[in-house]
PDB file of N, CA and C in Angstrom:
ATOM      1  N   UNK A   1     -24.163 -29.767  36.791  1.00  0.00           N
ATOM      2  CA  UNK A   1     -24.529 -28.426  36.421  1.00  0.00           C
ATOM      3  C   UNK A   1     -23.296 -27.515  36.362  1.00  0.00           C
ATOM      4  N   UNK A   2     -22.403 -27.706  37.329  1.00  0.00           N
ATOM      5  CA  UNK A   2     -21.194 -26.918  37.375  1.00  0.00           C
ATOM      6  C   UNK A   2     -20.295 -27.236  36.176  1.00  0.00           C
ATOM      7  N   UNK A   3     -20.285 -28.487  35.756  1.00  0.00           N
ATOM      8  CA  UNK A   3     -19.484 -28.910  34.616  1.00  0.00           C
ATOM      9  C   UNK A   3     -19.999 -28.264  33.330  1.00  0.00           C
ATOM     10  N   UNK A   4     -21.302 -28.186  33.174  1.00  0.00           N
ATOM     11  CA  UNK A   4     -21.897 -27.562  31.987  1.00  0.00           C
ATOM     12  C   UNK A   4     -21.559 -26.070  31.951  1.00  0.00           C
ATOM     13  N   UNK A   5     -21.607 -25.435  33.103  1.00  0.00           N
ATOM     14  CA  UNK A   5     -21.287 -24.010  33.180  1.00  0.00           C
ATOM     15  C   UNK A   5     -19.819 -23.775  32.791  1.00  0.00           C
ATOM     16  N   UNK A   6     -18.928 -24.611  33.259  1.00  0.00           N
ATOM     17  CA  UNK A   6     -17.510 -24.476  32.909  1.00  0.00           C
ATOM     18  C   UNK A   6     -17.293 -24.722  31.415  1.00  0.00           C
ATOM     19  N   UNK A   7     -18.038 -25.674  30.876  1.00  0.00           N
ATOM     20  CA  UNK A   7     -17.948 -25.987  29.453  1.00  0.00           C
ATOM     21  C   UNK A   7     -18.341 -24.764  28.623  1.00  0.00           C
ATOM     22  N   UNK A   8     -19.472 -24.155  28.940  1.00  0.00           N
ATOM     23  CA  UNK A   8     -19.938 -22.988  28.199  1.00  0.00           C
ATOM     24  C   UNK A   8     -19.020 -21.786  28.405  1.00  0.00           C
ATOM     25  N   UNK A   9     -18.498 -21.654  29.585  1.00  0.00           N
ATOM     26  CA  UNK A   9     -17.576 -20.558  29.857  1.00  0.00           C
ATOM     27  C   UNK A   9     -16.303 -20.698  29.018  1.00  0.00           C
ATOM     28  N   UNK A  10     -15.801 -21.914  28.889  1.00  0.00           N
ATOM     29  CA  UNK A  10     -14.602 -22.122  28.071  1.00  0.00           C
ATOM     30  C   UNK A  10     -14.907 -21.896  26.586  1.00  0.00           C
ATOM     31  N   UNK A  11     -16.088 -22.291  26.129  1.00  0.00           N
ATOM     32  CA  UNK A  11     -16.473 -22.054  24.731  1.00  0.00           C
ATOM     33  C   UNK A  11     -16.589 -20.557  24.459  1.00  0.00           C
ATOM     34  N   UNK A  12     -17.238 -19.831  25.351  1.00  0.00           N
ATOM     35  CA  UNK A  12     -17.396 -18.389  25.169  1.00  0.00           C
ATOM     36  C   UNK A  12     -16.056 -17.659  25.218  1.00  0.00           C
ATOM     37  N   UNK A  13     -15.196 -18.053  26.126  1.00  0.00           N
ATOM     38  CA  UNK A  13     -13.890 -17.394  26.204  1.00  0.00           C
ATOM     39  C   UNK A  13     -13.050 -17.715  24.965  1.00  0.00           C
ATOM     40  N   UNK A  14     -13.139 -18.930  24.446  1.00  0.00           N
ATOM     41  CA  UNK A  14     -12.429 -19.285  23.214  1.00  0.00           C
ATOM     42  C   UNK A  14     -12.955 -18.469  22.038  1.00  0.00           C
ATOM     43  N   UNK A  15     -14.265 -18.321  21.968  1.00  0.00           N
ATOM     44  CA  UNK A  15     -14.886 -17.531  20.908  1.00  0.00           C
ATOM     45  C   UNK A  15     -14.427 -16.070  21.000  1.00  0.00           C
ATOM     46  N   UNK A  16     -14.400 -15.528  22.195  1.00  0.00           N
ATOM     47  CA  UNK A  16     -13.974 -14.151  22.409  1.00  0.00           C
ATOM     48  C   UNK A  16     -12.516 -13.952  21.994  1.00  0.00           C
ATOM     49  N   UNK A  17     -11.665 -14.903  22.336  1.00  0.00           N
ATOM     50  CA  UNK A  17     -10.252 -14.828  21.954  1.00  0.00           C
ATOM     51  C   UNK A  17     -10.102 -14.883  20.438  1.00  0.00           C
ATOM     52  N   UNK A  18     -10.884 -15.732  19.781  1.00  0.00           N
ATOM     53  CA  UNK A  18     -10.842 -15.813  18.314  1.00  0.00           C
ATOM     54  C   UNK A  18     -11.258 -14.487  17.677  1.00  0.00           C
ATOM     55  N   UNK A  19     -12.302 -13.873  18.210  1.00  0.00           N
ATOM     56  CA  UNK A  19     -12.761 -12.583  17.686  1.00  0.00           C
ATOM     57  C   UNK A  19     -11.665 -11.528  17.844  1.00  0.00           C
ATOM     58  N   UNK A  20     -11.011 -11.503  18.990  1.00  0.00           N
ATOM     59  CA  UNK A  20      -9.925 -10.546  19.213  1.00  0.00           C
ATOM     60  C   UNK A  20      -8.768 -10.781  18.241  1.00  0.00           C
ATOM     61  N   UNK A  21      -8.433 -12.032  17.993  1.00  0.00           N
ATOM     62  CA  UNK A  21      -7.347 -12.348  17.068  1.00  0.00           C
ATOM     63  C   UNK A  21      -7.698 -11.914  15.651  1.00  0.00           C
ATOM     64  N   UNK A  22      -8.918 -12.164  15.226  1.00  0.00           N
ATOM     65  CA  UNK A  22      -9.341 -11.783  13.875  1.00  0.00           C
ATOM     66  C   UNK A  22      -9.292 -10.274  13.704  1.00  0.00           C
ATOM     67  N   UNK A  23      -9.788  -9.540  14.694  1.00  0.00           N
ATOM     68  CA  UNK A  23      -9.756  -8.077  14.583  1.00  0.00           C
ATOM     69  C   UNK A  23      -8.317  -7.567  14.599  1.00  0.00           C
ATOM     70  N   UNK A  24      -7.448  -8.212  15.336  1.00  0.00           N
ATOM     71  CA  UNK A  24      -6.033  -7.837  15.340  1.00  0.00           C
ATOM     72  C   UNK A  24      -5.378  -8.072  13.996  1.00  0.00           C
ATOM     73  N   UNK A  25      -5.679  -9.204  13.366  1.00  0.00           N
ATOM     74  CA  UNK A  25      -5.133  -9.493  12.045  1.00  0.00           C
ATOM     75  C   UNK A  25      -5.615  -8.474  11.023  1.00  0.00           C
ATOM     76  N   UNK A  26      -6.882  -8.085  11.095  1.00  0.00           N
ATOM     77  CA  UNK A  26      -7.417  -7.098  10.158  1.00  0.00           C
ATOM     78  C   UNK A  26      -6.736  -5.751  10.348  1.00  0.00           C
ATOM     79  N   UNK A  27      -6.487  -5.379  11.575  1.00  0.00           N
ATOM     80  CA  UNK A  27      -5.814  -4.113  11.859  1.00  0.00           C
ATOM     81  C   UNK A  27      -4.395  -4.116  11.305  1.00  0.00           C
ATOM     82  N   UNK A  28      -3.690  -5.209  11.501  1.00  0.00           N
ATOM     83  CA  UNK A  28      -2.329  -5.330  10.978  1.00  0.00           C
ATOM     84  C   UNK A  28      -2.347  -5.297   9.457  1.00  0.00           C
ATOM     85  N   UNK A  29      -3.318  -5.958   8.850  1.00  0.00           N
ATOM     86  CA  UNK A  29      -3.431  -5.987   7.401  1.00  0.00           C
ATOM     87  C   UNK A  29      -3.661  -4.585   6.841  1.00  0.00           C
ATOM     88  N   UNK A  30      -4.518  -3.811   7.481  1.00  0.00           N
ATOM     89  CA  UNK A  30      -4.790  -2.450   7.018  1.00  0.00           C
ATOM     90  C   UNK A  30      -3.554  -1.570   7.146  1.00  0.00           C
ATOM     91  N   UNK A  31      -2.809  -1.716   8.229  1.00  0.00           N
ATOM     92  CA  UNK A  31      -1.593  -0.928   8.411  1.00  0.00           C
ATOM     93  C   UNK A  31      -0.552  -1.300   7.360  1.00  0.00           C
ATOM     94  N   UNK A  32      -0.421  -2.582   7.074  1.00  0.00           N
ATOM     95  CA  UNK A  32       0.523  -3.040   6.062  1.00  0.00           C
ATOM     96  C   UNK A  32       0.144  -2.493   4.696  1.00  0.00           C
ATOM     97  N   UNK A  33      -1.145  -2.508   4.391  1.00  0.00           N
ATOM     98  CA  UNK A  33      -1.641  -1.998   3.122  1.00  0.00           C
ATOM     99  C   UNK A  33      -1.332  -0.508   2.994  1.00  0.00           C
ATOM    100  N   UNK A  34      -1.558   0.254   4.051  1.00  0.00           N
ATOM    101  CA  UNK A  34      -1.268   1.689   4.045  1.00  0.00           C
ATOM    102  C   UNK A  34       0.232   1.931   3.888  1.00  0.00           C
ATOM    103  N   UNK A  35       1.046   1.106   4.533  1.00  0.00           N
ATOM    104  CA  UNK A  35       2.502   1.234   4.396  1.00  0.00           C
ATOM    105  C   UNK A  35       2.952   0.956   2.965  1.00  0.00           C
ATOM    106  N   UNK A  36       2.317  -0.002   2.299  1.00  0.00           N
ATOM    107  CA  UNK A  36       2.648  -0.300   0.908  1.00  0.00           C
ATOM    108  C   UNK A  36       2.343   0.903   0.022  1.00  0.00           C
ATOM    109  N   UNK A  37       1.212   1.522   0.256  1.00  0.00           N
ATOM    110  CA  UNK A  37       0.817   2.689  -0.541  1.00  0.00           C
ATOM    111  C   UNK A  37       1.798   3.842  -0.327  1.00  0.00           C
ATOM    112  N   UNK A  38       2.156   4.108   0.915  1.00  0.00           N
ATOM    113  CA  UNK A  38       3.106   5.183   1.218  1.00  0.00           C
ATOM    114  C   UNK A  38       4.481   4.885   0.627  1.00  0.00           C
ATOM    115  N   UNK A  39       4.901   3.638   0.698  1.00  0.00           N
ATOM    116  CA  UNK A  39       6.191   3.240   0.143  1.00  0.00           C
ATOM    117  C   UNK A  39       6.213   3.418  -1.374  1.00  0.00           C
ATOM    118  N   UNK A  40       5.124   3.067  -2.034  1.00  0.00           N
ATOM    119  CA  UNK A  40       5.026   3.245  -3.484  1.00  0.00           C
ATOM    120  C   UNK A  40       5.102   4.722  -3.843  1.00  0.00           C
ATOM    121  N   UNK A  41       4.390   5.547  -3.108  1.00  0.00           N
ATOM    122  CA  UNK A  41       4.405   6.986  -3.386  1.00  0.00           C
ATOM    123  C   UNK A  41       5.815   7.561  -3.215  1.00  0.00           C
ATOM    124  N   UNK A  42       6.505   7.160  -2.156  1.00  0.00           N
ATOM    125  CA  UNK A  42       7.875   7.633  -1.925  1.00  0.00           C
ATOM    126  C   UNK A  42       8.814   7.164  -3.036  1.00  0.00           C
ATOM    127  N   UNK A  43       8.676   5.911  -3.456  1.00  0.00           N
ATOM    128  CA  UNK A  43       9.541   5.370  -4.511  1.00  0.00           C
ATOM    129  C   UNK A  43       9.321   6.106  -5.829  1.00  0.00           C
ATOM    130  N   UNK A  44       8.067   6.392  -6.153  1.00  0.00           N
ATOM    131  CA  UNK A  44       7.776   7.114  -7.391  1.00  0.00           C
ATOM    132  C   UNK A  44       8.351   8.529  -7.345  1.00  0.00           C
ATOM    133  N   UNK A  45       8.162   9.218  -6.241  1.00  0.00           N
ATOM    134  CA  UNK A  45       8.692  10.583  -6.123  1.00  0.00           C
ATOM    135  C   UNK A  45      10.218  10.589  -6.148  1.00  0.00           C
ATOM    136  N   UNK A  46      10.821   9.597  -5.490  1.00  0.00           N
ATOM    137  CA  UNK A  46      12.281   9.497  -5.488  1.00  0.00           C
ATOM    138  C   UNK A  46      12.794   9.252  -6.914  1.00  0.00           C
ATOM    139  N   UNK A  47      12.118   8.398  -7.662  1.00  0.00           N
ATOM    140  CA  UNK A  47      12.506   8.134  -9.045  1.00  0.00           C
ATOM    141  C   UNK A  47      12.357   9.361  -9.924  1.00  0.00           C
ATOM    142  N   UNK A  48      11.286  10.109  -9.720  1.00  0.00           N
ATOM    143  CA  UNK A  48      11.068  11.335 -10.491  1.00  0.00           C
ATOM    144  C   UNK A  48      12.183  12.335 -10.220  1.00  0.00           C
ATOM    145  N   UNK A  49      12.515  12.523  -8.957  1.00  0.00           N
ATOM    146  CA  UNK A  49      13.559  13.478  -8.593  1.00  0.00           C
ATOM    147  C   UNK A  49      14.930  13.024  -9.098  1.00  0.00           C
ATOM    148  N   UNK A  50      15.183  11.738  -9.030  1.00  0.00           N
ATOM    149  CA  UNK A  50      16.458  11.212  -9.507  1.00  0.00           C
ATOM    150  C   UNK A  50      16.581  11.416 -11.015  1.00  0.00           C
ATOM    151  N   UNK A  51      15.502  11.183 -11.736  1.00  0.00           N
ATOM    152  CA  UNK A  51      15.507  11.388 -13.183  1.00  0.00           C
ATOM    153  C   UNK A  51      15.785  12.856 -13.507  1.00  0.00           C
ATOM    154  N   UNK A  52      15.140  13.746 -12.783  1.00  0.00           N
ATOM    155  CA  UNK A  52      15.350  15.177 -13.024  1.00  0.00           C
ATOM    156  C   UNK A  52      16.790  15.582 -12.707  1.00  0.00           C
ATOM    157  N   UNK A  53      17.339  15.032 -11.638  1.00  0.00           N
ATOM    158  CA  UNK A  53      18.714  15.367 -11.257  1.00  0.00           C
ATOM    159  C   UNK A  53      19.724  14.844 -12.280  1.00  0.00           C
ATOM    160  N   UNK A  54      19.484  13.654 -12.822  1.00  0.00           N
ATOM    161  CA  UNK A  54      20.437  13.050 -13.755  1.00  0.00           C
ATOM    162  C   UNK A  54      20.265  13.535 -15.191  1.00  0.00           C
ATOM    163  N   UNK A  55      19.015  13.706 -15.620  1.00  0.00           N
ATOM    164  CA  UNK A  55      18.748  14.004 -17.024  1.00  0.00           C
ATOM    165  C   UNK A  55      18.315  15.444 -17.276  1.00  0.00           C
ATOM    166  N   UNK A  56      17.969  16.177 -16.227  1.00  0.00           N
ATOM    167  CA  UNK A  56      17.534  17.558 -16.400  1.00  0.00           C
ATOM    168  C   UNK A  56      16.094  17.696 -16.852  1.00  0.00           C
ATOM    169  N   UNK A  57      15.372  16.613 -16.830  1.00  0.00           N
ATOM    170  CA  UNK A  57      13.945  16.638 -17.188  1.00  0.00           C
ATOM    171  C   UNK A  57      13.237  15.541 -16.414  1.00  0.00           C
ATOM    172  N   UNK A  58      11.934  15.682 -16.331  1.00  0.00           N
ATOM    173  CA  UNK A  58      11.142  14.673 -15.634  1.00  0.00           C
ATOM    174  C   UNK A  58      10.809  13.529 -16.589  1.00  0.00           C
ATOM    175  N   UNK A  59      10.520  12.331 -16.066  1.00  0.00           N
ATOM    176  CA  UNK A  59      10.159  11.210 -16.948  1.00  0.00           C
ATOM    177  C   UNK A  59       8.910  11.540 -17.771  1.00  0.00           C
ATOM    178  N   UNK A  60       8.936  11.157 -19.030  1.00  0.00           N
ATOM    179  CA  UNK A  60       7.831  11.476 -19.933  1.00  0.00           C
ATOM    180  C   UNK A  60       6.588  10.639 -19.659  1.00  0.00           C
ATOM    181  N   UNK A  61       6.779   9.459 -19.075  1.00  0.00           N
ATOM    182  CA  UNK A  61       5.632   8.586 -18.817  1.00  0.00           C
ATOM    183  C   UNK A  61       5.888   7.726 -17.584  1.00  0.00           C
ATOM    184  N   UNK A  62       4.825   7.139 -17.092  1.00  0.00           N
ATOM    185  CA  UNK A  62       4.941   6.231 -15.952  1.00  0.00           C
ATOM    186  C   UNK A  62       5.760   5.003 -16.333  1.00  0.00           C
ATOM    187  N   UNK A  63       5.575   4.510 -17.544  1.00  0.00           N
ATOM    188  CA  UNK A  63       6.311   3.336 -18.002  1.00  0.00           C
ATOM    189  C   UNK A  63       7.815   3.594 -18.005  1.00  0.00           C
ATOM    190  N   UNK A  64       8.217   4.788 -18.448  1.00  0.00           N
ATOM    191  CA  UNK A  64       9.636   5.143 -18.441  1.00  0.00           C
ATOM    192  C   UNK A  64      10.166   5.193 -17.013  1.00  0.00           C
ATOM    193  N   UNK A  65       9.413   5.789 -16.128  1.00  0.00           N
ATOM    194  CA  UNK A  65       9.823   5.887 -14.725  1.00  0.00           C
ATOM    195  C   UNK A  65       9.991   4.505 -14.105  1.00  0.00           C
ATOM    196  N   UNK A  66       9.029   3.631 -14.338  1.00  0.00           N
ATOM    197  CA  UNK A  66       9.065   2.289 -13.752  1.00  0.00           C
ATOM    198  C   UNK A  66      10.216   1.460 -14.320  1.00  0.00           C
ATOM    199  N   UNK A  67      10.418   1.527 -15.631  1.00  0.00           N
ATOM    200  CA  UNK A  67      11.469   0.692 -16.227  1.00  0.00           C
ATOM    201  C   UNK A  67      12.869   1.246 -15.965  1.00  0.00           C
ATOM    202  N   UNK A  68      13.048   2.551 -16.068  1.00  0.00           N
ATOM    203  CA  UNK A  68      14.384   3.129 -15.896  1.00  0.00           C
ATOM    204  C   UNK A  68      14.848   3.129 -14.447  1.00  0.00           C
ATOM    205  N   UNK A  69      13.914   3.236 -13.516  1.00  0.00           N
ATOM    206  CA  UNK A  69      14.293   3.343 -12.105  1.00  0.00           C
ATOM    207  C   UNK A  69      13.851   2.129 -11.292  1.00  0.00           C
ATOM    208  N   UNK A  70      13.510   1.063 -11.981  1.00  0.00           N
ATOM    209  CA  UNK A  70      13.260  -0.259 -11.388  1.00  0.00           C
ATOM    210  C   UNK A  70      12.276  -0.210 -10.218  1.00  0.00           C
ATOM    211  N   UNK A  71      11.148   0.407 -10.459  1.00  0.00           N
ATOM    212  CA  UNK A  71      10.106   0.485  -9.436  1.00  0.00           C
ATOM    213  C   UNK A  71       9.150  -0.677  -9.663  1.00  0.00           C
ATOM    214  N   UNK A  72       8.942  -1.450  -8.624  1.00  0.00           N
ATOM    215  CA  UNK A  72       8.061  -2.613  -8.697  1.00  0.00           C
ATOM    216  C   UNK A  72       6.944  -2.424  -7.684  1.00  0.00           C
ATOM    217  N   UNK A  73       5.716  -2.650  -8.125  1.00  0.00           N
ATOM    218  CA  UNK A  73       4.580  -2.580  -7.211  1.00  0.00           C
ATOM    219  C   UNK A  73       3.505  -3.549  -7.668  1.00  0.00           C
ATOM    220  N   UNK A  74       2.596  -3.848  -6.783  1.00  0.00           N
ATOM    221  CA  UNK A  74       1.521  -4.790  -7.069  1.00  0.00           C
ATOM    222  C   UNK A  74       0.432  -4.074  -7.864  1.00  0.00           C
ATOM    223  N   UNK A  75       0.380  -4.342  -9.153  1.00  0.00           N
ATOM    224  CA  UNK A  75      -0.587  -3.678 -10.021  1.00  0.00           C
ATOM    225  C   UNK A  75      -2.003  -4.192  -9.812  1.00  0.00           C
ATOM    226  N   UNK A  76      -2.146  -5.296  -9.091  1.00  0.00           N
ATOM    227  CA  UNK A  76      -3.481  -5.786  -8.752  1.00  0.00           C
ATOM    228  C   UNK A  76      -4.085  -4.990  -7.598  1.00  0.00           C
ATOM    229  N   UNK A  77      -3.235  -4.367  -6.779  1.00  0.00           N
ATOM    230  CA  UNK A  77      -3.715  -3.596  -5.627  1.00  0.00           C
ATOM    231  C   UNK A  77      -3.826  -2.106  -5.899  1.00  0.00           C
ATOM    232  N   UNK A  78      -2.901  -1.572  -6.709  1.00  0.00           N
ATOM    233  CA  UNK A  78      -2.832  -0.128  -6.901  1.00  0.00           C
ATOM    234  C   UNK A  78      -2.874   0.236  -8.376  1.00  0.00           C
ATOM    235  N   UNK A  79      -3.532   1.351  -8.650  1.00  0.00           N
ATOM    236  CA  UNK A  79      -3.534   1.944  -9.979  1.00  0.00           C
ATOM    237  C   UNK A  79      -2.856   3.302  -9.842  1.00  0.00           C
ATOM    238  N   UNK A  80      -1.815   3.526 -10.623  1.00  0.00           N
ATOM    239  CA  UNK A  80      -1.068   4.776 -10.536  1.00  0.00           C
ATOM    240  C   UNK A  80      -1.426   5.639 -11.738  1.00  0.00           C
ATOM    241  N   UNK A  81      -1.863   6.859 -11.442  1.00  0.00           N
ATOM    242  CA  UNK A  81      -2.131   7.827 -12.501  1.00  0.00           C
ATOM    243  C   UNK A  81      -0.985   8.831 -12.508  1.00  0.00           C
ATOM    244  N   UNK A  82      -0.388   9.000 -13.662  1.00  0.00           N
ATOM    245  CA  UNK A  82       0.794   9.841 -13.825  1.00  0.00           C
ATOM    246  C   UNK A  82       0.455  10.890 -14.865  1.00  0.00           C
ATOM    247  N   UNK A  83       0.426  12.137 -14.452  1.00  0.00           N
ATOM    248  CA  UNK A  83       0.019  13.211 -15.357  1.00  0.00           C
ATOM    249  C   UNK A  83       1.171  14.194 -15.539  1.00  0.00           C
ATOM    250  N   UNK A  84       1.625  14.313 -16.786  1.00  0.00           N
ATOM    251  CA  UNK A  84       2.710  15.226 -17.119  1.00  0.00           C
ATOM    252  C   UNK A  84       2.100  16.532 -17.608  1.00  0.00           C
ATOM    253  N   UNK A  85       2.497  17.633 -16.974  1.00  0.00           N
ATOM    254  CA  UNK A  85       2.008  18.952 -17.375  1.00  0.00           C
ATOM    255  C   UNK A  85       2.959  19.559 -18.401  1.00  0.00           C
ATOM    256  N   UNK A  86       4.236  19.590 -18.071  1.00  0.00           N
ATOM    257  CA  UNK A  86       5.277  20.088 -18.970  1.00  0.00           C
ATOM    258  C   UNK A  86       6.584  19.400 -18.581  1.00  0.00           C
ATOM    259  N   UNK A  87       7.561  19.450 -19.480  1.00  0.00           N
ATOM    260  CA  UNK A  87       8.814  18.734 -19.206  1.00  0.00           C
ATOM    261  C   UNK A  87       9.613  19.360 -18.072  1.00  0.00           C
ATOM    262  N   UNK A  88       9.332  20.631 -17.751  1.00  0.00           N
ATOM    263  CA  UNK A  88      10.071  21.289 -16.675  1.00  0.00           C
ATOM    264  C   UNK A  88       9.256  21.416 -15.385  1.00  0.00           C
ATOM    265  N   UNK A  89       8.086  20.796 -15.334  1.00  0.00           N
ATOM    266  CA  UNK A  89       7.251  20.813 -14.126  1.00  0.00           C
ATOM    267  C   UNK A  89       7.073  19.389 -13.617  1.00  0.00           C
ATOM    268  N   UNK A  90       7.120  19.249 -12.298  1.00  0.00           N
ATOM    269  CA  UNK A  90       7.007  17.919 -11.704  1.00  0.00           C
ATOM    270  C   UNK A  90       5.642  17.300 -12.027  1.00  0.00           C
ATOM    271  N   UNK A  91       5.652  16.059 -12.505  1.00  0.00           N
ATOM    272  CA  UNK A  91       4.390  15.382 -12.822  1.00  0.00           C
ATOM    273  C   UNK A  91       3.541  15.145 -11.574  1.00  0.00           C
ATOM    274  N   UNK A  92       2.261  15.023 -11.797  1.00  0.00           N
ATOM    275  CA  UNK A  92       1.319  14.735 -10.718  1.00  0.00           C
ATOM    276  C   UNK A  92       1.138  13.225 -10.617  1.00  0.00           C
ATOM    277  N   UNK A  93       1.219  12.711  -9.391  1.00  0.00           N
ATOM    278  CA  UNK A  93       1.052  11.276  -9.150  1.00  0.00           C
ATOM    279  C   UNK A  93      -0.174  11.075  -8.274  1.00  0.00           C
ATOM    280  N   UNK A  94      -1.042  10.170  -8.690  1.00  0.00           N
ATOM    281  CA  UNK A  94      -2.194   9.787  -7.880  1.00  0.00           C
ATOM    282  C   UNK A  94      -2.208   8.271  -7.786  1.00  0.00           C
ATOM    283  N   UNK A  95      -2.254   7.768  -6.562  1.00  0.00           N
ATOM    284  CA  UNK A  95      -2.306   6.322  -6.346  1.00  0.00           C
ATOM    285  C   UNK A  95      -3.716   5.970  -5.913  1.00  0.00           C
ATOM    286  N   UNK A  96      -4.349   5.118  -6.693  1.00  0.00           N
ATOM    287  CA  UNK A  96      -5.724   4.708  -6.424  1.00  0.00           C
ATOM    288  C   UNK A  96      -5.722   3.243  -6.010  1.00  0.00           C
ATOM    289  N   UNK A  97      -6.429   2.959  -4.942  1.00  0.00           N
ATOM    290  CA  UNK A  97      -6.530   1.592  -4.445  1.00  0.00           C
ATOM    291  C   UNK A  97      -7.615   0.869  -5.234  1.00  0.00           C
ATOM    292  N   UNK A  98      -7.256  -0.256  -5.824  1.00  0.00           N
ATOM    293  CA  UNK A  98      -8.237  -1.065  -6.544  1.00  0.00           C
ATOM    294  C   UNK A  98      -9.032  -1.892  -5.548  1.00  0.00           C
ATOM    295  N   UNK A  99     -10.268  -2.099  -5.848  1.00  0.00           N
ATOM    296  CA  UNK A  99     -11.109  -2.897  -4.946  1.00  0.00           C
ATOM    297  C   UNK A  99     -11.427  -4.234  -5.540  1.00  0.00           C
TER     298      UNK A  99
END
């Protein structure tokens, strides 16, 4: 009887440890995902400012910004909306997470 109790106790503790590990991995994954989004936003803004400093105008399109300033991001994870108001006003950037 004591052996069966120890057996079940070890199974339950192993199960509990697995659950804790899975939740930890999910937490790390979410933080990494958020860091990727923040990094992309910073890179886009840095490229926009660099373009304005060098050329005296903001990039006309997202494609120009990405190609001229070598910005690489996972297009399967993020959708970037780039809205130009005028050539002398900073464009609006919206990063949307794809599901």
